[in-house]
Amino acid sequence: MTTAQRPDTLPRADLELLELLADGLPLDAIARRLDLSERTVRRRLRAICDRLGFAAPIQAVVWAARRGLL
């Protein structure tokens, strides 16, 4: 997906997950904070990356931060 095809925003729940990741929390801590399983957190991160066309969650974090979404 090119930059022009990426959505300008993400659902609040996805942004919250990326924000916790940006804060440096490990996946197990993110899962506890969001009351989810670690597997669900991993799947949601993969879905976010797939939607935005990134290979790694940190790329999604940087993308969101540069747009002022975090």
PDB file of N, CA and C in Angstrom:
ATOM      1  N   MET A   1       0.849  -1.174   0.000  1.00  0.00           N
ATOM      2  CA  MET A   1       0.000   0.000   0.000  1.00  0.00           C
ATOM      3  C   MET A   1       0.893   1.235   0.000  1.00  0.00           C
ATOM      4  N   THR A   2       0.610   2.164  -0.838  1.00  0.00           N
ATOM      5  CA  THR A   2       1.399   3.384  -0.870  1.00  0.00           C
ATOM      6  C   THR A   2       0.924   4.338   0.204  1.00  0.00           C
ATOM      7  N   THR A   3       1.717   5.349   0.454  1.00  0.00           N
ATOM      8  CA  THR A   3       1.356   6.339   1.463  1.00  0.00           C
ATOM      9  C   THR A   3       0.004   6.962   1.155  1.00  0.00           C
ATOM     10  N   ALA A   4      -0.275   7.208  -0.123  1.00  0.00           N
ATOM     11  CA  ALA A   4      -1.538   7.832  -0.500  1.00  0.00           C
ATOM     12  C   ALA A   4      -2.721   6.931  -0.187  1.00  0.00           C
ATOM     13  N   GLN A   5      -2.515   5.614  -0.131  1.00  0.00           N
ATOM     14  CA  GLN A   5      -3.611   4.688   0.113  1.00  0.00           C
ATOM     15  C   GLN A   5      -3.820   4.414   1.602  1.00  0.00           C
ATOM     16  N   ARG A   6      -2.901   4.804   2.441  1.00  0.00           N
ATOM     17  CA  ARG A   6      -3.046   4.544   3.879  1.00  0.00           C
ATOM     18  C   ARG A   6      -4.145   5.424   4.450  1.00  0.00           C
ATOM     19  N   PRO A   7      -4.903   4.859   5.402  1.00  0.00           N
ATOM     20  CA  PRO A   7      -5.947   5.671   6.023  1.00  0.00           C
ATOM     21  C   PRO A   7      -5.322   6.797   6.847  1.00  0.00           C
ATOM     22  N   ASP A   8      -6.047   7.886   6.988  1.00  0.00           N
ATOM     23  CA  ASP A   8      -5.543   9.014   7.764  1.00  0.00           C
ATOM     24  C   ASP A   8      -5.655   8.781   9.258  1.00  0.00           C
ATOM     25  N   THR A   9      -6.482   7.846   9.650  1.00  0.00           N
ATOM     26  CA  THR A   9      -6.677   7.588  11.074  1.00  0.00           C
ATOM     27  C   THR A   9      -6.992   6.114  11.281  1.00  0.00           C
ATOM     28  N   LEU A  10      -6.995   5.728  12.524  1.00  0.00           N
ATOM     29  CA  LEU A  10      -7.325   4.359  12.928  1.00  0.00           C
ATOM     30  C   LEU A  10      -8.378   4.432  14.015  1.00  0.00           C
ATOM     31  N   PRO A  11      -9.093   3.336  14.250  1.00  0.00           N
ATOM     32  CA  PRO A  11     -10.050   3.334  15.364  1.00  0.00           C
ATOM     33  C   PRO A  11      -9.338   3.631  16.682  1.00  0.00           C
ATOM     34  N   ARG A  12     -10.045   4.237  17.601  1.00  0.00           N
ATOM     35  CA  ARG A  12      -9.475   4.627  18.899  1.00  0.00           C
ATOM     36  C   ARG A  12      -8.806   3.439  19.600  1.00  0.00           C
ATOM     37  N   ALA A  13      -9.400   2.256  19.530  1.00  0.00           N
ATOM     38  CA  ALA A  13      -8.830   1.079  20.196  1.00  0.00           C
ATOM     39  C   ALA A  13      -7.458   0.726  19.607  1.00  0.00           C
ATOM     40  N   ASP A  14      -7.301   0.872  18.300  1.00  0.00           N
ATOM     41  CA  ASP A  14      -6.015   0.597  17.664  1.00  0.00           C
ATOM     42  C   ASP A  14      -4.981   1.650  18.063  1.00  0.00           C
ATOM     43  N   LEU A  15      -5.405   2.902  18.118  1.00  0.00           N
ATOM     44  CA  LEU A  15      -4.496   3.963  18.530  1.00  0.00           C
ATOM     45  C   LEU A  15      -4.057   3.788  19.978  1.00  0.00           C
ATOM     46  N   GLU A  16      -4.969   3.343  20.828  1.00  0.00           N
ATOM     47  CA  GLU A  16      -4.624   3.091  22.226  1.00  0.00           C
ATOM     48  C   GLU A  16      -3.560   1.998  22.325  1.00  0.00           C
ATOM     49  N   LEU A  17      -3.721   0.949  21.537  1.00  0.00           N
ATOM     50  CA  LEU A  17      -2.747  -0.134  21.524  1.00  0.00           C
ATOM     51  C   LEU A  17      -1.379   0.385  21.050  1.00  0.00           C
ATOM     52  N   LEU A  18      -1.359   1.158  19.987  1.00  0.00           N
ATOM     53  CA  LEU A  18      -0.107   1.711  19.483  1.00  0.00           C
ATOM     54  C   LEU A  18       0.525   2.675  20.488  1.00  0.00           C
ATOM     55  N   GLU A  19      -0.293   3.419  21.194  1.00  0.00           N
ATOM     56  CA  GLU A  19       0.221   4.354  22.196  1.00  0.00           C
ATOM     57  C   GLU A  19       0.919   3.614  23.332  1.00  0.00           C
ATOM     58  N   LEU A  20       0.335   2.519  23.776  1.00  0.00           N
ATOM     59  CA  LEU A  20       0.967   1.715  24.824  1.00  0.00           C
ATOM     60  C   LEU A  20       2.275   1.111  24.324  1.00  0.00           C
ATOM     61  N   LEU A  21       2.290   0.683  23.094  1.00  0.00           N
ATOM     62  CA  LEU A  21       3.513   0.145  22.500  1.00  0.00           C
ATOM     63  C   LEU A  21       4.575   1.249  22.418  1.00  0.00           C
ATOM     64  N   ALA A  22       4.162   2.446  22.029  1.00  0.00           N
ATOM     65  CA  ALA A  22       5.082   3.584  21.940  1.00  0.00           C
ATOM     66  C   ALA A  22       5.649   3.951  23.303  1.00  0.00           C
ATOM     67  N   ASP A  23       4.883   3.717  24.358  1.00  0.00           N
ATOM     68  CA  ASP A  23       5.346   3.997  25.720  1.00  0.00           C
ATOM     69  C   ASP A  23       6.393   2.987  26.182  1.00  0.00           C
ATOM     70  N   GLY A  24       6.621   1.954  25.373  1.00  0.00           N
ATOM     71  CA  GLY A  24       7.643   0.973  25.701  1.00  0.00           C
ATOM     72  C   GLY A  24       7.159  -0.216  26.504  1.00  0.00           C
ATOM     73  N   LEU A  25       5.855  -0.361  26.645  1.00  0.00           N
ATOM     74  CA  LEU A  25       5.332  -1.501  27.397  1.00  0.00           C
ATOM     75  C   LEU A  25       5.508  -2.787  26.605  1.00  0.00           C
ATOM     76  N   PRO A  26       5.888  -3.865  27.273  1.00  0.00           N
ATOM     77  CA  PRO A  26       5.950  -5.160  26.588  1.00  0.00           C
ATOM     78  C   PRO A  26       4.536  -5.657  26.287  1.00  0.00           C
ATOM     79  N   LEU A  27       4.438  -6.600  25.366  1.00  0.00           N
ATOM     80  CA  LEU A  27       3.117  -7.075  24.933  1.00  0.00           C
ATOM     81  C   LEU A  27       2.297  -7.653  26.072  1.00  0.00           C
ATOM     82  N   ASP A  28       2.928  -8.345  27.022  1.00  0.00           N
ATOM     83  CA  ASP A  28       2.151  -8.906  28.122  1.00  0.00           C
ATOM     84  C   ASP A  28       1.553  -7.808  29.002  1.00  0.00           C
ATOM     85  N   ALA A  29       2.287  -6.711  29.193  1.00  0.00           N
ATOM     86  CA  ALA A  29       1.757  -5.588  29.979  1.00  0.00           C
ATOM     87  C   ALA A  29       0.628  -4.878  29.229  1.00  0.00           C
ATOM     88  N   ILE A  30       0.787  -4.744  27.920  1.00  0.00           N
ATOM     89  CA  ILE A  30      -0.275  -4.142  27.108  1.00  0.00           C
ATOM     90  C   ILE A  30      -1.531  -4.999  27.206  1.00  0.00           C
ATOM     91  N   ALA A  31      -1.368  -6.304  27.107  1.00  0.00           N
ATOM     92  CA  ALA A  31      -2.502  -7.221  27.190  1.00  0.00           C
ATOM     93  C   ALA A  31      -3.222  -7.070  28.533  1.00  0.00           C
ATOM     94  N   ARG A  32      -2.463  -7.009  29.605  1.00  0.00           N
ATOM     95  CA  ARG A  32      -3.092  -6.843  30.933  1.00  0.00           C
ATOM     96  C   ARG A  32      -3.826  -5.512  31.030  1.00  0.00           C
ATOM     97  N   ARG A  33      -3.205  -4.457  30.540  1.00  0.00           N
ATOM     98  CA  ARG A  33      -3.809  -3.130  30.641  1.00  0.00           C
ATOM     99  C   ARG A  33      -5.104  -3.043  29.831  1.00  0.00           C
ATOM    100  N   LEU A  34      -5.141  -3.722  28.687  1.00  0.00           N
ATOM    101  CA  LEU A  34      -6.334  -3.687  27.831  1.00  0.00           C
ATOM    102  C   LEU A  34      -7.303  -4.824  28.125  1.00  0.00           C
ATOM    103  N   ASP A  35      -6.961  -5.660  29.094  1.00  0.00           N
ATOM    104  CA  ASP A  35      -7.772  -6.814  29.470  1.00  0.00           C
ATOM    105  C   ASP A  35      -7.997  -7.740  28.266  1.00  0.00           C
ATOM    106  N   LEU A  36      -6.886  -8.034  27.578  1.00  0.00           N
ATOM    107  CA  LEU A  36      -6.893  -8.933  26.426  1.00  0.00           C
ATOM    108  C   LEU A  36      -5.823  -9.991  26.628  1.00  0.00           C
ATOM    109  N   SER A  37      -5.861 -11.029  25.816  1.00  0.00           N
ATOM    110  CA  SER A  37      -4.773 -11.999  25.855  1.00  0.00           C
ATOM    111  C   SER A  37      -3.610 -11.439  25.040  1.00  0.00           C
ATOM    112  N   GLU A  38      -2.413 -11.930  25.341  1.00  0.00           N
ATOM    113  CA  GLU A  38      -1.251 -11.493  24.582  1.00  0.00           C
ATOM    114  C   GLU A  38      -1.398 -11.880  23.109  1.00  0.00           C
ATOM    115  N   ARG A  39      -2.008 -13.025  22.874  1.00  0.00           N
ATOM    116  CA  ARG A  39      -2.238 -13.467  21.493  1.00  0.00           C
ATOM    117  C   ARG A  39      -3.148 -12.490  20.742  1.00  0.00           C
ATOM    118  N   THR A  40      -4.182 -11.997  21.411  1.00  0.00           N
ATOM    119  CA  THR A  40      -5.082 -11.023  20.792  1.00  0.00           C
ATOM    120  C   THR A  40      -4.340  -9.732  20.475  1.00  0.00           C
ATOM    121  N   VAL A  41      -3.472  -9.299  21.382  1.00  0.00           N
ATOM    122  CA  VAL A  41      -2.681  -8.093  21.134  1.00  0.00           C
ATOM    123  C   VAL A  41      -1.802  -8.300  19.911  1.00  0.00           C
ATOM    124  N   ARG A  42      -1.144  -9.452  19.812  1.00  0.00           N
ATOM    125  CA  ARG A  42      -0.302  -9.742  18.651  1.00  0.00           C
ATOM    126  C   ARG A  42      -1.129  -9.737  17.354  1.00  0.00           C
ATOM    127  N   ARG A  43      -2.318 -10.330  17.396  1.00  0.00           N
ATOM    128  CA  ARG A  43      -3.174 -10.371  16.199  1.00  0.00           C
ATOM    129  C   ARG A  43      -3.632  -8.971  15.804  1.00  0.00           C
ATOM    130  N   ARG A  44      -3.982  -8.160  16.804  1.00  0.00           N
ATOM    131  CA  ARG A  44      -4.423  -6.794  16.500  1.00  0.00           C
ATOM    132  C   ARG A  44      -3.287  -5.966  15.911  1.00  0.00           C
ATOM    133  N   LEU A  45      -2.080  -6.147  16.445  1.00  0.00           N
ATOM    134  CA  LEU A  45      -0.930  -5.437  15.885  1.00  0.00           C
ATOM    135  C   LEU A  45      -0.677  -5.866  14.444  1.00  0.00           C
ATOM    136  N   ARG A  46      -0.770  -7.166  14.189  1.00  0.00           N
ATOM    137  CA  ARG A  46      -0.572  -7.669  12.827  1.00  0.00           C
ATOM    138  C   ARG A  46      -1.638  -7.086  11.898  1.00  0.00           C
ATOM    139  N   ALA A  47      -2.886  -7.014  12.360  1.00  0.00           N
ATOM    140  CA  ALA A  47      -3.970  -6.460  11.542  1.00  0.00           C
ATOM    141  C   ALA A  47      -3.732  -4.977  11.247  1.00  0.00           C
ATOM    142  N   ILE A  48      -3.251  -4.234  12.242  1.00  0.00           N
ATOM    143  CA  ILE A  48      -2.938  -2.813  12.043  1.00  0.00           C
ATOM    144  C   ILE A  48      -1.846  -2.681  10.985  1.00  0.00           C
ATOM    145  N   CYS A  49      -0.789  -3.468  11.132  1.00  0.00           N
ATOM    146  CA  CYS A  49       0.327  -3.424  10.169  1.00  0.00           C
ATOM    147  C   CYS A  49      -0.149  -3.792   8.775  1.00  0.00           C
ATOM    148  N   ASP A  50      -0.975  -4.816   8.675  1.00  0.00           N
ATOM    149  CA  ASP A  50      -1.498  -5.226   7.371  1.00  0.00           C
ATOM    150  C   ASP A  50      -2.333  -4.112   6.745  1.00  0.00           C
ATOM    151  N   ARG A  51      -3.173  -3.477   7.563  1.00  0.00           N
ATOM    152  CA  ARG A  51      -4.046  -2.413   7.066  1.00  0.00           C
ATOM    153  C   ARG A  51      -3.227  -1.221   6.564  1.00  0.00           C
ATOM    154  N   LEU A  52      -2.119  -0.929   7.261  1.00  0.00           N
ATOM    155  CA  LEU A  52      -1.304   0.226   6.899  1.00  0.00           C
ATOM    156  C   LEU A  52      -0.189  -0.114   5.919  1.00  0.00           C
ATOM    157  N   GLY A  53       0.051  -1.400   5.713  1.00  0.00           N
ATOM    158  CA  GLY A  53       1.086  -1.813   4.774  1.00  0.00           C
ATOM    159  C   GLY A  53       2.487  -1.811   5.359  1.00  0.00           C
ATOM    160  N   PHE A  54       2.606  -2.054   6.659  1.00  0.00           N
ATOM    161  CA  PHE A  54       3.906  -2.072   7.316  1.00  0.00           C
ATOM    162  C   PHE A  54       4.298  -3.486   7.705  1.00  0.00           C
ATOM    163  N   ALA A  55       5.602  -3.713   7.804  1.00  0.00           N
ATOM    164  CA  ALA A  55       6.115  -5.022   8.182  1.00  0.00           C
ATOM    165  C   ALA A  55       6.247  -5.180   9.694  1.00  0.00           C
ATOM    166  N   ALA A  56       6.407  -4.067  10.415  1.00  0.00           N
ATOM    167  CA  ALA A  56       6.641  -4.133  11.859  1.00  0.00           C
ATOM    168  C   ALA A  56       5.774  -3.118  12.595  1.00  0.00           C
ATOM    169  N   PRO A  57       5.319  -3.476  13.801  1.00  0.00           N
ATOM    170  CA  PRO A  57       4.478  -2.566  14.575  1.00  0.00           C
ATOM    171  C   PRO A  57       5.135  -1.210  14.854  1.00  0.00           C
ATOM    172  N   ILE A  58       6.450  -1.175  15.011  1.00  0.00           N
ATOM    173  CA  ILE A  58       7.107   0.109  15.276  1.00  0.00           C
ATOM    174  C   ILE A  58       6.901   1.073  14.118  1.00  0.00           C
ATOM    175  N   GLN A  59       6.782   0.551  12.907  1.00  0.00           N
ATOM    176  CA  GLN A  59       6.509   1.414  11.759  1.00  0.00           C
ATOM    177  C   GLN A  59       5.130   2.055  11.889  1.00  0.00           C
ATOM    178  N   ALA A  60       4.171   1.302  12.389  1.00  0.00           N
ATOM    179  CA  ALA A  60       2.825   1.850  12.603  1.00  0.00           C
ATOM    180  C   ALA A  60       2.846   2.905  13.703  1.00  0.00           C
ATOM    181  N   VAL A  61       3.641   2.671  14.745  1.00  0.00           N
ATOM    182  CA  VAL A  61       3.781   3.647  15.828  1.00  0.00           C
ATOM    183  C   VAL A  61       4.347   4.955  15.283  1.00  0.00           C
ATOM    184  N   VAL A  62       5.417   4.855  14.496  1.00  0.00           N
ATOM    185  CA  VAL A  62       6.040   6.052  13.918  1.00  0.00           C
ATOM    186  C   VAL A  62       5.059   6.763  12.996  1.00  0.00           C
ATOM    187  N   TRP A  63       4.353   6.006  12.174  1.00  0.00           N
ATOM    188  CA  TRP A  63       3.363   6.583  11.252  1.00  0.00           C
ATOM    189  C   TRP A  63       2.309   7.387  12.036  1.00  0.00           C
ATOM    190  N   ALA A  64       1.780   6.777  13.088  1.00  0.00           N
ATOM    191  CA  ALA A  64       0.741   7.444  13.886  1.00  0.00           C
ATOM    192  C   ALA A  64       1.304   8.658  14.618  1.00  0.00           C
ATOM    193  N   ALA A  65       2.504   8.548  15.139  1.00  0.00           N
ATOM    194  CA  ALA A  65       3.120   9.666  15.875  1.00  0.00           C
ATOM    195  C   ALA A  65       3.381  10.838  14.933  1.00  0.00           C
ATOM    196  N   ARG A  66       3.846  10.576  13.749  1.00  0.00           N
ATOM    197  CA  ARG A  66       4.111  11.651  12.792  1.00  0.00           C
ATOM    198  C   ARG A  66       2.857  12.378  12.361  1.00  0.00           C
ATOM    199  N   ARG A  67       1.740  11.721  12.470  1.00  0.00           N
ATOM    200  CA  ARG A  67       0.463  12.348  12.128  1.00  0.00           C
ATOM    201  C   ARG A  67      -0.238  12.951  13.325  1.00  0.00           C
ATOM    202  N   GLY A  68       0.410  12.903  14.473  1.00  0.00           N
ATOM    203  CA  GLY A  68      -0.165  13.490  15.684  1.00  0.00           C
ATOM    204  C   GLY A  68      -1.327  12.690  16.243  1.00  0.00           C
ATOM    205  N   LEU A  69      -1.393  11.399  15.910  1.00  0.00           N
ATOM    206  CA  LEU A  69      -2.506  10.575  16.368  1.00  0.00           C
ATOM    207  C   LEU A  69      -2.240   9.990  17.750  1.00  0.00           C
ATOM    208  N   LEU A  70      -0.998  10.001  18.185  1.00  0.00           N
ATOM    209  CA  LEU A  70      -0.658   9.439  19.505  1.00  0.00           C
ATOM    210  C   LEU A  70      -0.380  10.556  20.479  1.00  0.00           C
TER     211      LEU A  70
END
